[in-house]
C-alpha atoms as a PDB file:
ATOM      1  CA  MET A   1     -20.025   6.130 -19.829  1.00  0.00           C
ATOM      2  CA  ASP A   2     -20.596   7.471 -16.473  1.00  0.00           C
ATOM      3  CA  GLY A   3     -17.166   8.972 -15.190  1.00  0.00           C
ATOM      4  CA  ILE A   4     -15.264   8.225 -18.387  1.00  0.00           C
ATOM      5  CA  SER A   5     -13.726  11.544 -20.504  1.00  0.00           C
ATOM      6  CA  LEU A   6     -13.269  11.533 -23.749  1.00  0.00           C
ATOM      7  CA  PRO A   7     -10.984  13.800 -26.040  1.00  0.00           C
ATOM      8  CA  ASN A   8     -12.597  17.398 -26.644  1.00  0.00           C
ATOM      9  CA  ALA A   9     -15.446  16.180 -24.372  1.00  0.00           C
ATOM     10  CA  ALA A  10     -16.649  17.616 -21.228  1.00  0.00           C
ATOM     11  CA  VAL A  11     -15.016  16.357 -17.973  1.00  0.00           C
ATOM     12  CA  HIS A  12     -17.596  14.327 -15.710  1.00  0.00           C
ATOM     13  CA  PHE A  13     -16.985  13.471 -11.942  1.00  0.00           C
ATOM     14  CA  ARG A  14     -18.657  11.434  -9.672  1.00  0.00           C
ATOM     15  CA  GLN A  15     -18.526  10.262  -5.919  1.00  0.00           C
ATOM     16  CA  ALA A  16     -16.220   7.468  -4.723  1.00  0.00           C
ATOM     17  CA  VAL A  17     -15.877   5.781  -1.600  1.00  0.00           C
ATOM     18  CA  LEU A  18     -12.304   4.571  -0.299  1.00  0.00           C
ATOM     19  CA  VAL A  19     -12.172   1.473   1.695  1.00  0.00           C
ATOM     20  CA  VAL A  20      -8.854   0.704   3.779  1.00  0.00           C
ATOM     21  CA  ARG A  21      -8.194  -2.539   4.954  1.00  0.00           C
ATOM     22  CA  TYR A  22      -6.029  -2.719   7.760  1.00  0.00           C
ATOM     23  CA  GLN A  23      -3.701  -6.008   7.961  1.00  0.00           C
ATOM     24  CA  PRO A  24      -2.365  -6.855  11.328  1.00  0.00           C
ATOM     25  CA  SER A  25       1.724  -6.998  11.462  1.00  0.00           C
ATOM     26  CA  ASP A  26       1.799 -10.629  12.546  1.00  0.00           C
ATOM     27  CA  VAL A  27       0.415 -11.703   9.226  1.00  0.00           C
ATOM     28  CA  MET A  28       3.620 -12.354   7.101  1.00  0.00           C
ATOM     29  CA  ALA A  29       4.201 -10.604   3.424  1.00  0.00           C
ATOM     30  CA  PRO A  30       4.136 -13.379   0.695  1.00  0.00           C
ATOM     31  CA  TYR A  31       8.056 -13.511   0.200  1.00  0.00           C
ATOM     32  CA  GLU A  32       8.501 -13.675   4.011  1.00  0.00           C
ATOM     33  CA  ARG A  33       6.352 -16.885   3.779  1.00  0.00           C
ATOM     34  CA  LEU A  34       8.244 -18.115   0.816  1.00  0.00           C
ATOM     35  CA  LEU A  35      11.782 -17.482   2.272  1.00  0.00           C
ATOM     36  CA  GLY A  36      10.902 -18.840   5.513  1.00  0.00           C
ATOM     37  CA  ASP A  37       9.529 -21.798   3.936  1.00  0.00           C
ATOM     38  CA  ALA A  38      12.981 -22.082   2.419  1.00  0.00           C
ATOM     39  CA  MET A  39      14.940 -22.006   5.148  1.00  0.00           C
ATOM     40  CA  GLN A  40      12.774 -24.412   7.304  1.00  0.00           C
ATOM     41  CA  GLY A  41      13.148 -27.431   4.028  1.00  0.00           C
ATOM     42  CA  ASP A  42       9.295 -26.650   2.628  1.00  0.00           C
ATOM     43  CA  LEU A  43       9.725 -27.907  -0.991  1.00  0.00           C
ATOM     44  CA  THR A  44       6.231 -27.544  -1.915  1.00  0.00           C
ATOM     45  CA  LEU A  45       6.356 -24.231  -2.933  1.00  0.00           C
ATOM     46  CA  PHE A  46       9.267 -24.843  -5.252  1.00  0.00           C
ATOM     47  CA  THR A  47       9.970 -26.441  -8.614  1.00  0.00           C
ATOM     48  CA  ARG A  48      11.973 -29.710  -8.350  1.00  0.00           C
ATOM     49  CA  GLU A  49      15.387 -29.561 -10.353  1.00  0.00           C
ATOM     50  CA  ASP A  50      14.435 -32.368 -12.614  1.00  0.00           C
ATOM     51  CA  ALA A  51      11.521 -30.508 -13.546  1.00  0.00           C
ATOM     52  CA  VAL A  52      13.471 -27.388 -14.360  1.00  0.00           C
ATOM     53  CA  GLU A  53      16.174 -29.260 -16.379  1.00  0.00           C
ATOM     54  CA  ALA A  54      13.351 -30.456 -18.689  1.00  0.00           C
ATOM     55  CA  ALA A  55      11.954 -27.144 -19.225  1.00  0.00           C
ATOM     56  CA  TRP A  56      15.461 -25.961 -19.915  1.00  0.00           C
ATOM     57  CA  ARG A  57      15.363 -28.718 -22.644  1.00  0.00           C
ATOM     58  CA  VAL A  58      12.353 -27.460 -24.467  1.00  0.00           C
ATOM     59  CA  VAL A  59      13.206 -23.909 -24.071  1.00  0.00           C
ATOM     60  CA  ASP A  60      16.890 -23.700 -24.642  1.00  0.00           C
ATOM     61  CA  PRO A  61      17.101 -24.829 -28.484  1.00  0.00           C
ATOM     62  CA  VAL A  62      14.864 -22.290 -29.100  1.00  0.00           C
ATOM     63  CA  LEU A  63      16.675 -19.611 -27.333  1.00  0.00           C
ATOM     64  CA  SER A  64      19.787 -20.653 -29.156  1.00  0.00           C
ATOM     65  CA  ASN A  65      18.258 -20.916 -32.839  1.00  0.00           C
ATOM     66  CA  PRO A  66      15.366 -18.302 -32.200  1.00  0.00           C
ATOM     67  CA  PRO A  67      12.706 -19.072 -35.402  1.00  0.00           C
ATOM     68  CA  PRO A  68      12.114 -15.834 -37.502  1.00  0.00           C
ATOM     69  CA  LEU A  69       9.922 -13.398 -36.625  1.00  0.00           C
ATOM     70  CA  HIS A  70       7.340 -12.238 -39.646  1.00  0.00           C
ATOM     71  CA  GLU A  71       5.586  -9.006 -39.281  1.00  0.00           C
ATOM     72  CA  TYR A  72       2.094  -8.434 -40.054  1.00  0.00           C
ATOM     73  CA  ASP A  73      -0.766  -5.830 -39.858  1.00  0.00           C
ATOM     74  CA  GLN A  74      -2.755  -4.723 -36.770  1.00  0.00           C
ATOM     75  CA  ASN A  75      -5.925  -6.509 -36.552  1.00  0.00           C
ATOM     76  CA  SER A  76      -5.340  -9.055 -39.366  1.00  0.00           C
ATOM     77  CA  TRP A  77      -5.539 -12.849 -39.230  1.00  0.00           C
ATOM     78  CA  GLY A  78      -1.505 -12.730 -38.724  1.00  0.00           C
ATOM     79  CA  PRO A  79       1.434 -13.369 -41.341  1.00  0.00           C
ATOM     80  CA  SER A  80       0.984 -14.819 -44.479  1.00  0.00           C
ATOM     81  CA  GLU A  81       3.751 -17.239 -43.556  1.00  0.00           C
ATOM     82  CA  ALA A  82       1.488 -18.332 -40.982  1.00  0.00           C
ATOM     83  CA  ASP A  83      -0.631 -20.389 -43.214  1.00  0.00           C
ATOM     84  CA  ALA A  84       2.368 -22.615 -44.447  1.00  0.00           C
ATOM     85  CA  ASP A  85       4.041 -22.912 -41.137  1.00  0.00           C
ATOM     86  CA  ILE A  86       0.976 -23.911 -38.964  1.00  0.00           C
ATOM     87  CA  ARG A  87      -1.379 -26.184 -40.079  1.00  0.00           C
ATOM     88  CA  PRO A  88      -3.603 -27.950 -37.802  1.00  0.00           C
ATOM     89  CA  PRO A  89      -4.443 -31.754 -38.511  1.00  0.00           C
ATOM     90  CA  ALA A  90      -7.708 -30.808 -40.148  1.00  0.00           C
ATOM     91  CA  GLY A  91      -6.234 -27.791 -42.130  1.00  0.00           C
ATOM     92  CA  TRP A  92      -6.393 -23.923 -42.016  1.00  0.00           C
ATOM     93  CA  TYR A  93      -8.700 -21.817 -43.292  1.00  0.00           C
ATOM     94  CA  ASN A  94      -7.769 -17.784 -43.587  1.00  0.00           C
ATOM     95  CA  PRO A  95     -11.229 -16.176 -44.719  1.00  0.00           C
ATOM     96  CA  VAL A  96      -9.235 -13.222 -45.794  1.00  0.00           C
ATOM     97  CA  ALA A  97      -6.622 -15.140 -48.154  1.00  0.00           C
ATOM     98  CA  SER A  98      -9.678 -16.379 -50.303  1.00  0.00           C
END
């Protein structure tokens, strides 16, 4: 607990070392590289159109008709509705429900 302060406890300080690294200006920032690759026609960092369309075929129905949300208590095993809605092939045993 060195250096950690708890409510109503004494404050503890410790010495730290600051390390600074210099990055030369000739190194491109990540977005500079991404935009440069796009302008040069390098498609290796981009998703193909057919893959994007396939992803939307999965996501769009859920966004158009979202499933109901079930609230549950923090630190619990989840909502009771999950016992009926999510049933793995081998079954589900909720140790708290028994």
